[in-house]
């Protein structure tokens, strides 16, 4: 460890007493509308017609529009990261480190309303090349439908670090190179990969458990090239980013439940929560707050990210929906765990490559499951996400 690293410390005195406690946060006020659903899949570049085309969807087993499994995070507050960002750490910033989801079988449709229960699970501090002392903190969210049924559980991992240290180290400056310019021929290749994937299961036909074999490869997918416009579109699709769309809610009986306290955002990256009750732009993340670096190169550089970059919650949604598209209308993603290795930077594309690695007839879910590994990488082969998932498929 260098002298520089030994001098840098994080004050965790406000974090320690909150471990294991329920926390508060935002709750979306309104049920899911059809336009909310369409905006979400548009932002996720997920043109599965059961999610946006009512004529197509009416002829399926669902009888109308049905949301993708990823919609749960869209109907949550704070990109699902709130229970992993608890406690004040002075001059800090945050990026996503990973997510783990369990899905319990419920389908979400327009008219459904989700509420969340959140808990700060744990943390550890590790010295990293990116920012020196770095906290990996985990939080759990339970998602419930309006009838009280459990839809999903999510465990998010936040990477909290000191902004000044990450800016000084600039790890990504030497890794990602210049903003790529794409030729017409290169874009034509990208477009063909995207179209071939879209047509690979547009009708939603599910492969059977018996017919799928270990070693089977899923059809490759691509998203991009990513732009500031696409990042802004993704941000706006999360319901909590719509002005006035949520209430601040505290769990009953919890002392100091961390509803919307300041986590210690570095100067220039904080919200004005009180002022936002008058002017909601003061907590609009495309103008203020910790999300500014996603669409602002200068702000991205100030938090060690070099240039505009995408969202961890978005990458998790991409991964879940990609596997659900392969599984078809009679399939279901039961569990998926993703480790985020790097963000999707402006100018890059993201490729999806997946393989069946295991089949299990006896599982903890009481149903046969197929295990799939999935890698998201950019055009240079830089790995962004590594996922492992268990997928339910119909039996013959």
Protein backbone atom coordinates (compact mmCIF):
# COMPACT_ATOMS: atom_id res chain seq x y z
CA UNK A 1 0.00 0.00 0.00
CA UNK A 2 1.41 3.40 -1.00
CA UNK A 3 1.85 6.36 1.34
CA UNK A 4 -1.00 8.11 -0.44
CA UNK A 5 -3.35 5.21 0.20
CA UNK A 6 -2.48 4.94 3.89
CA UNK A 7 -3.37 8.59 4.47
CA UNK A 8 -6.87 8.33 3.00
CA UNK A 9 -9.62 7.16 5.36
CA UNK A 10 -13.42 7.07 5.42
CA UNK A 11 -15.38 8.16 8.48
CA UNK A 12 -18.04 5.47 8.99
CA UNK A 13 -19.32 6.60 12.37
CA UNK A 14 -22.77 7.37 10.92
CA UNK A 15 -22.90 4.09 9.00
CA UNK A 16 -22.17 1.50 11.69
CA UNK A 17 -25.26 2.04 13.88
CA UNK A 18 -27.57 1.69 10.88
CA UNK A 19 -26.50 -1.80 9.78
CA UNK A 20 -29.40 -4.25 9.87
CA UNK A 21 -32.08 -1.60 10.32
CA UNK A 22 -35.17 -0.88 8.25
CA UNK A 23 -34.97 2.40 6.38
CA UNK A 24 -37.42 4.74 4.69
CA UNK A 25 -37.41 6.38 1.30
CA UNK A 26 -39.64 7.20 -1.62
CA UNK A 27 -42.81 5.29 -2.48
CA UNK A 28 -44.38 5.75 -5.92
CA UNK A 29 -47.84 7.29 -5.54
CA UNK A 30 -49.67 5.95 -8.59
CA UNK A 31 -50.32 2.56 -10.20
CA UNK A 32 -48.41 1.62 -13.33
CA UNK A 33 -49.95 3.16 -16.45
CA UNK A 34 -49.70 1.79 -19.95
CA UNK A 35 -47.63 4.81 -20.98
CA UNK A 36 -45.22 4.16 -18.06
CA UNK A 37 -44.74 0.61 -19.30
CA UNK A 38 -44.15 1.65 -22.89
CA UNK A 39 -41.70 4.37 -21.83
CA UNK A 40 -39.75 1.81 -19.80
CA UNK A 41 -39.29 -0.75 -22.56
CA UNK A 42 -38.51 2.02 -25.05
CA UNK A 43 -35.74 3.29 -22.76
CA UNK A 44 -34.42 -0.25 -22.24
CA UNK A 45 -34.43 -0.81 -26.03
CA UNK A 46 -36.58 -3.89 -25.44
CA UNK A 47 -39.08 -4.15 -28.33
CA UNK A 48 -40.84 -7.33 -27.17
CA UNK A 49 -44.39 -6.68 -28.45
CA UNK A 50 -46.17 -8.10 -25.38
CA UNK A 51 -44.95 -5.01 -23.53
CA UNK A 52 -46.06 -2.24 -25.92
CA UNK A 53 -48.36 -3.53 -28.70
CA UNK A 54 -51.91 -4.11 -27.33
CA UNK A 55 -53.07 -5.85 -30.51
CA UNK A 56 -50.29 -8.42 -30.31
CA UNK A 57 -50.56 -8.80 -26.53
CA UNK A 58 -54.34 -9.39 -26.64
CA UNK A 59 -53.77 -12.58 -28.64
CA UNK A 60 -51.34 -14.05 -26.11
CA UNK A 61 -51.95 -15.93 -22.86
CA UNK A 62 -51.75 -12.59 -21.03
CA UNK A 63 -54.78 -11.14 -22.80
CA UNK A 64 -53.21 -7.68 -22.91
CA UNK A 65 -50.09 -5.73 -22.12
CA UNK A 66 -47.84 -7.23 -19.47
CA UNK A 67 -44.71 -5.66 -18.02
CA UNK A 68 -41.24 -7.19 -18.23
CA UNK A 69 -39.81 -8.59 -15.01
CA UNK A 70 -37.43 -5.63 -14.86
CA UNK A 71 -40.36 -3.25 -14.25
CA UNK A 72 -39.98 -3.69 -10.48
CA UNK A 73 -36.94 -1.41 -10.36
CA UNK A 74 -38.74 1.14 -12.53
CA UNK A 75 -41.51 1.26 -9.90
CA UNK A 76 -39.01 1.66 -7.05
CA UNK A 77 -37.25 4.76 -5.72
CA UNK A 78 -33.58 5.60 -6.32
CA UNK A 79 -32.87 3.00 -9.00
CA UNK A 80 -33.29 0.37 -6.28
CA UNK A 81 -30.08 1.44 -4.59
CA UNK A 82 -31.54 3.34 -1.61
CA UNK A 83 -31.06 0.62 1.05
CA UNK A 84 -27.38 0.26 0.09
CA UNK A 85 -26.64 3.99 0.44
CA UNK A 86 -27.21 4.57 4.15
CA UNK A 87 -25.20 6.78 6.49
CA UNK A 88 -23.27 10.01 6.02
CA UNK A 89 -19.77 9.77 4.45
CA UNK A 90 -18.31 13.22 3.84
CA UNK A 91 -17.40 14.14 0.24
CA UNK A 92 -18.41 10.74 -1.11
CA UNK A 93 -19.91 9.49 -4.33
CA UNK A 94 -21.56 6.23 -5.40
CA UNK A 95 -21.68 3.83 -8.32
CA UNK A 96 -23.48 0.50 -8.56
CA UNK A 97 -21.54 -2.67 -7.81
CA UNK A 98 -24.11 -5.35 -8.55
CA UNK A 99 -27.59 -6.69 -7.94
CA UNK A 100 -29.23 -9.98 -7.03
CA UNK A 101 -32.93 -10.61 -7.70
CA UNK A 102 -35.38 -13.31 -6.72
CA UNK A 103 -38.75 -13.34 -8.54
CA UNK A 104 -41.74 -15.12 -7.02
CA UNK A 105 -43.97 -15.61 -10.04
CA UNK A 106 -46.18 -12.51 -10.13
CA UNK A 107 -46.70 -10.70 -13.42
CA UNK A 108 -47.12 -6.93 -13.37
CA UNK A 109 -49.69 -5.27 -15.63
CA UNK A 110 -50.96 -1.71 -16.08
CA UNK A 111 -53.05 -0.83 -13.04
CA UNK A 112 -50.79 -2.64 -10.56
CA UNK A 113 -49.13 -0.71 -7.75
CA UNK A 114 -45.93 -1.73 -5.96
CA UNK A 115 -44.67 -0.74 -2.53
CA UNK A 116 -41.29 -1.51 -1.01
CA UNK A 117 -39.80 -2.48 2.34
CA UNK A 118 -36.08 -1.68 2.63
CA UNK A 119 -33.27 -2.75 4.95
CA UNK A 120 -29.56 -1.85 5.13
CA UNK A 121 -27.89 -5.28 5.17
CA UNK A 122 -24.11 -4.89 5.63
CA UNK A 123 -20.89 -3.43 4.27
CA UNK A 124 -17.15 -4.01 3.92
CA UNK A 125 -14.32 -1.63 3.06
CA UNK A 126 -11.62 -2.64 0.59
CA UNK A 127 -8.66 -0.76 -0.87
CA UNK A 128 -9.14 -0.40 -4.63
CA UNK A 129 -7.11 0.94 -7.54
CA UNK A 130 -10.13 3.05 -8.47
CA UNK A 131 -10.47 5.12 -5.29
CA UNK A 132 -8.38 3.76 -2.42
CA UNK A 133 -10.63 2.97 0.59
CA UNK A 134 -13.90 1.88 -0.99
CA UNK A 135 -17.08 0.71 0.71
CA UNK A 136 -19.11 -2.14 -0.76
CA UNK A 137 -22.48 -1.84 0.99
CA UNK A 138 -25.55 -4.03 0.49
CA UNK A 139 -29.22 -3.35 0.98
CA UNK A 140 -32.39 -5.40 0.54
CA UNK A 141 -35.71 -4.39 -0.98
CA UNK A 142 -38.93 -6.41 -0.86
CA UNK A 143 -41.43 -5.49 -3.58
CA UNK A 144 -45.13 -6.06 -2.83
CA UNK A 145 -48.22 -5.77 -5.03
CA UNK A 146 -51.34 -3.96 -3.90
CA UNK A 147 -52.86 -7.26 -2.71
CA UNK A 148 -49.91 -7.85 -0.38
CA UNK A 149 -48.29 -10.59 -2.46
CA UNK A 150 -44.50 -10.64 -2.72
CA UNK A 151 -43.32 -9.89 -6.25
CA UNK A 152 -39.55 -9.85 -5.86
CA UNK A 153 -36.61 -9.41 -3.53
CA UNK A 154 -33.61 -7.39 -4.62
CA UNK A 155 -30.20 -7.12 -2.97
CA UNK A 156 -28.26 -4.16 -4.34
CA UNK A 157 -24.57 -3.44 -3.87
CA UNK A 158 -23.40 0.16 -3.79
CA UNK A 159 -19.77 1.19 -4.22
CA UNK A 160 -19.21 4.28 -2.07
CA UNK A 161 -15.91 6.12 -2.36
CA UNK A 162 -14.24 9.48 -1.83
CA UNK A 163 -14.81 11.68 -4.85
CA UNK A 164 -11.49 13.52 -4.64
CA UNK A 165 -9.47 10.31 -4.48
CA UNK A 166 -11.21 8.78 -7.51
CA UNK A 167 -10.79 12.00 -9.49
CA UNK A 168 -7.08 12.11 -8.65
CA UNK A 169 -6.48 8.51 -9.71
CA UNK A 170 -8.52 8.72 -12.95
CA UNK A 171 -8.37 4.97 -13.49
CA UNK A 172 -10.71 4.97 -16.48
CA UNK A 173 -8.79 7.75 -18.29
CA UNK A 174 -6.24 5.25 -19.60
CA UNK A 175 -8.70 2.37 -20.03
CA UNK A 176 -11.49 3.63 -22.25
CA UNK A 177 -9.69 5.72 -24.88
CA UNK A 178 -11.30 8.34 -27.05
CA UNK A 179 -14.98 8.55 -27.85
CA UNK A 180 -15.50 6.09 -30.71
CA UNK A 181 -16.78 7.26 -34.05
CA UNK A 182 -18.80 4.59 -35.84
CA UNK A 183 -18.68 4.20 -39.60
CA UNK A 184 -21.80 3.42 -41.62
CA UNK A 185 -20.51 -0.12 -42.27
CA UNK A 186 -19.86 -0.71 -38.55
CA UNK A 187 -23.31 0.55 -37.62
CA UNK A 188 -24.86 -1.74 -40.24
CA UNK A 189 -23.24 -4.73 -38.52
CA UNK A 190 -24.51 -3.57 -35.11
CA UNK A 191 -28.01 -3.07 -36.52
CA UNK A 192 -28.04 -6.58 -37.99
CA UNK A 193 -27.07 -8.17 -34.66
CA UNK A 194 -29.83 -6.18 -32.96
CA UNK A 195 -32.45 -7.15 -35.56
CA UNK A 196 -31.48 -10.83 -35.61
CA UNK A 197 -31.88 -10.97 -31.83
CA UNK A 198 -35.24 -9.19 -31.97
CA UNK A 199 -36.56 -11.71 -34.49
CA UNK A 200 -35.12 -14.70 -32.61
CA UNK A 201 -38.17 -14.99 -30.35
CA UNK A 202 -40.55 -12.17 -31.15
CA UNK A 203 -43.50 -14.59 -30.95
CA UNK A 204 -42.56 -15.60 -27.41
CA UNK A 205 -42.25 -19.36 -28.02
CA UNK A 206 -40.67 -20.98 -24.97
CA UNK A 207 -38.04 -23.69 -25.34
CA UNK A 208 -38.87 -26.69 -23.19
CA UNK A 209 -36.73 -27.85 -20.30
CA UNK A 210 -36.16 -31.18 -22.04
CA UNK A 211 -35.04 -29.67 -25.34
CA UNK A 212 -32.53 -27.20 -23.89
CA UNK A 213 -29.05 -28.69 -23.51
CA UNK A 214 -25.95 -27.71 -21.57
CA UNK A 215 -23.71 -25.81 -23.96
CA UNK A 216 -26.56 -24.15 -25.87
CA UNK A 217 -25.76 -20.55 -26.78
CA UNK A 218 -28.39 -17.83 -26.73
CA UNK A 219 -28.73 -15.46 -29.67
CA UNK A 220 -26.38 -12.52 -29.31
CA UNK A 221 -27.87 -9.13 -28.50
CA UNK A 222 -26.45 -5.61 -28.78
CA UNK A 223 -27.52 -2.23 -27.41
CA UNK A 224 -26.00 1.04 -28.57
CA UNK A 225 -24.07 3.03 -29.47
CA UNK A 226 -24.84 4.68 -26.14
CA UNK A 227 -25.29 8.44 -26.16
CA UNK A 228 -26.13 11.19 -23.71
CA UNK A 229 -29.61 11.13 -25.24
CA UNK A 230 -30.01 7.40 -24.54
CA UNK A 231 -28.75 7.84 -20.96
CA UNK A 232 -31.21 10.69 -20.39
CA UNK A 233 -34.01 8.56 -21.86
CA UNK A 234 -33.17 5.75 -19.45
CA UNK A 235 -33.12 8.12 -16.50
CA UNK A 236 -36.49 9.61 -17.34
CA UNK A 237 -38.11 6.16 -17.62
CA UNK A 238 -37.69 5.48 -13.89
CA UNK A 239 -40.97 6.61 -12.34
CA UNK A 240 -39.42 8.31 -9.32
CA UNK A 241 -37.70 10.79 -11.63
CA UNK A 242 -41.05 12.28 -12.67
CA UNK A 243 -41.78 15.40 -10.63
CA UNK A 244 -44.15 14.72 -7.75
CA UNK A 245 -44.40 11.00 -8.46
CA UNK A 246 -43.49 9.75 -4.97
CA UNK A 247 -44.04 10.31 -1.26
CA UNK A 248 -41.36 10.16 1.42
CA UNK A 249 -42.30 7.30 3.74
CA UNK A 250 -40.72 6.11 7.01
CA UNK A 251 -41.21 2.59 8.45
CA UNK A 252 -43.20 2.60 11.67
CA UNK A 253 -41.39 2.29 14.96
CA UNK A 254 -37.89 2.89 13.60
CA UNK A 255 -35.82 5.61 15.25
CA UNK A 256 -33.96 7.77 12.69
CA UNK A 257 -35.09 5.67 9.68
CA UNK A 258 -32.96 7.39 7.00
CA UNK A 259 -35.69 8.74 4.74
CA UNK A 260 -33.92 11.39 2.67
CA UNK A 261 -30.87 12.41 4.66
CA UNK A 262 -27.71 13.56 2.87
CA UNK A 263 -25.29 10.63 2.38
CA UNK A 264 -22.45 13.15 2.16
CA UNK A 265 -22.43 13.86 -1.56
CA UNK A 266 -19.37 15.80 -2.67
CA UNK A 267 -19.81 19.48 -3.47
CA UNK A 268 -21.75 19.97 -6.70
CA UNK A 269 -23.47 16.57 -6.52
CA UNK A 270 -26.11 17.06 -3.83
CA UNK A 271 -29.85 17.69 -3.97
CA UNK A 272 -31.76 20.44 -2.23
CA UNK A 273 -34.46 18.20 -0.75
CA UNK A 274 -36.26 20.94 1.16
CA UNK A 275 -36.14 23.37 -1.74
CA UNK A 276 -37.51 20.68 -4.03
CA UNK A 277 -40.87 20.86 -2.27
CA UNK A 278 -41.19 24.26 -3.96
CA UNK A 279 -39.10 23.73 -7.10
CA UNK A 280 -38.85 20.01 -8.03
CA UNK A 281 -35.94 20.73 -10.38
CA UNK A 282 -33.78 21.01 -7.25
CA UNK A 283 -33.87 17.24 -6.90
CA UNK A 284 -34.04 16.40 -10.61
CA UNK A 285 -31.00 14.23 -11.30
CA UNK A 286 -30.44 15.42 -14.85
CA UNK A 287 -29.82 18.92 -13.47
CA UNK A 288 -28.56 18.35 -9.92
CA UNK A 289 -27.49 15.50 -7.69
CA UNK A 290 -25.23 12.46 -7.91
CA UNK A 291 -26.53 11.37 -11.33
CA UNK A 292 -25.18 14.44 -13.13
CA UNK A 293 -22.09 12.60 -14.38
CA UNK A 294 -24.20 10.27 -16.49
CA UNK A 295 -24.91 13.06 -18.99
CA UNK A 296 -22.12 15.55 -18.23
CA UNK A 297 -18.52 14.71 -19.17
CA UNK A 298 -17.01 17.23 -16.79
CA UNK A 299 -18.99 15.95 -13.83
CA UNK A 300 -18.21 12.35 -14.82
CA UNK A 301 -14.50 13.18 -14.70
CA UNK A 302 -14.87 14.72 -11.27
CA UNK A 303 -16.07 11.39 -9.85
CA UNK A 304 -13.46 9.26 -11.62
CA UNK A 305 -15.60 8.11 -14.55
CA UNK A 306 -13.83 10.01 -17.37
CA UNK A 307 -16.91 10.65 -19.54
CA UNK A 308 -20.68 10.19 -19.58
CA UNK A 309 -21.73 6.70 -18.60
CA UNK A 310 -24.78 4.49 -18.09
CA UNK A 311 -26.65 3.18 -15.07
CA UNK A 312 -26.07 -0.03 -13.12
CA UNK A 313 -29.79 -0.57 -12.59
CA UNK A 314 -30.26 -0.30 -16.35
CA UNK A 315 -27.66 -2.99 -17.04
CA UNK A 316 -29.41 -5.30 -14.58
CA UNK A 317 -32.72 -4.66 -16.36
CA UNK A 318 -31.11 -5.42 -19.72
CA UNK A 319 -29.76 -8.72 -18.41
CA UNK A 320 -33.07 -9.84 -16.85
CA UNK A 321 -35.13 -8.94 -19.91
CA UNK A 322 -32.66 -10.59 -22.29
CA UNK A 323 -33.04 -13.91 -20.49
CA UNK A 324 -36.83 -13.51 -20.20
CA UNK A 325 -37.06 -12.89 -23.95
CA UNK A 326 -35.29 -16.19 -24.61
CA UNK A 327 -37.49 -17.98 -22.06
CA UNK A 328 -40.65 -16.87 -23.88
CA UNK A 329 -44.19 -16.37 -22.63
CA UNK A 330 -44.22 -19.63 -20.63
CA UNK A 331 -40.77 -19.11 -19.10
CA UNK A 332 -39.69 -17.03 -16.12
CA UNK A 333 -36.43 -15.76 -14.63
CA UNK A 334 -36.47 -16.95 -11.02
CA UNK A 335 -33.06 -15.71 -9.85
CA UNK A 336 -30.31 -13.57 -11.31
CA UNK A 337 -27.09 -12.31 -9.74
CA UNK A 338 -24.99 -9.73 -11.55
CA UNK A 339 -21.58 -8.30 -10.74
CA UNK A 340 -20.88 -4.96 -12.39
CA UNK A 341 -17.27 -4.68 -13.60
CA UNK A 342 -17.58 -1.37 -15.45
CA UNK A 343 -20.16 1.03 -16.88
CA UNK A 344 -21.46 1.43 -20.41
CA UNK A 345 -19.66 4.54 -21.62
CA UNK A 346 -20.91 7.05 -24.17
CA UNK A 347 -19.95 6.00 -27.68
CA UNK A 348 -19.70 2.29 -26.88
CA UNK A 349 -22.04 -0.59 -27.62
CA UNK A 350 -22.92 -3.41 -25.24
CA UNK A 351 -22.99 -7.02 -26.46
CA UNK A 352 -24.81 -9.87 -24.67
CA UNK A 353 -23.42 -13.43 -24.84
CA UNK A 354 -24.99 -16.26 -22.83
CA UNK A 355 -24.72 -20.03 -22.47
CA UNK A 356 -26.66 -22.78 -20.71
CA UNK A 357 -24.27 -24.31 -18.16
CA UNK A 358 -26.49 -26.55 -16.01
CA UNK A 359 -29.90 -28.23 -15.81
CA UNK A 360 -31.43 -29.15 -12.45
CA UNK A 361 -34.65 -31.09 -12.02
CA UNK A 362 -34.69 -30.77 -8.22
CA UNK A 363 -34.28 -27.20 -6.94
CA UNK A 364 -35.04 -25.01 -3.94
CA UNK A 365 -37.98 -23.56 -5.92
CA UNK A 366 -39.59 -26.98 -6.29
CA UNK A 367 -39.42 -26.76 -10.10
CA UNK A 368 -36.80 -27.69 -12.71
CA UNK A 369 -34.47 -24.82 -13.61
CA UNK A 370 -31.89 -24.08 -16.27
CA UNK A 371 -28.78 -22.18 -15.23
CA UNK A 372 -27.43 -19.62 -17.66
CA UNK A 373 -24.29 -17.50 -17.52
CA UNK A 374 -24.34 -14.12 -19.25
CA UNK A 375 -21.59 -11.64 -20.07
CA UNK A 376 -22.10 -8.03 -21.14
CA UNK A 377 -19.08 -6.50 -22.87
CA UNK A 378 -18.26 -3.57 -25.10
CA UNK A 379 -16.93 -3.55 -28.66
CA UNK A 380 -13.34 -3.89 -27.38
CA UNK A 381 -14.12 -6.93 -25.25
CA UNK A 382 -14.08 -5.03 -21.95
CA UNK A 383 -16.37 -6.93 -19.58
CA UNK A 384 -19.08 -4.77 -18.04
CA UNK A 385 -21.30 -7.35 -16.31
CA UNK A 386 -21.07 -11.01 -15.32
CA UNK A 387 -24.43 -12.62 -14.52
CA UNK A 388 -25.63 -16.03 -13.44
CA UNK A 389 -29.34 -16.84 -13.59
CA UNK A 390 -31.81 -19.65 -12.97
CA UNK A 391 -34.58 -19.73 -15.55
CA UNK A 392 -37.83 -21.67 -15.38
CA UNK A 393 -38.89 -23.28 -18.66
CA UNK A 394 -42.03 -25.29 -19.41
CA UNK A 395 -41.98 -29.09 -19.40
CA UNK A 396 -43.15 -31.12 -22.38
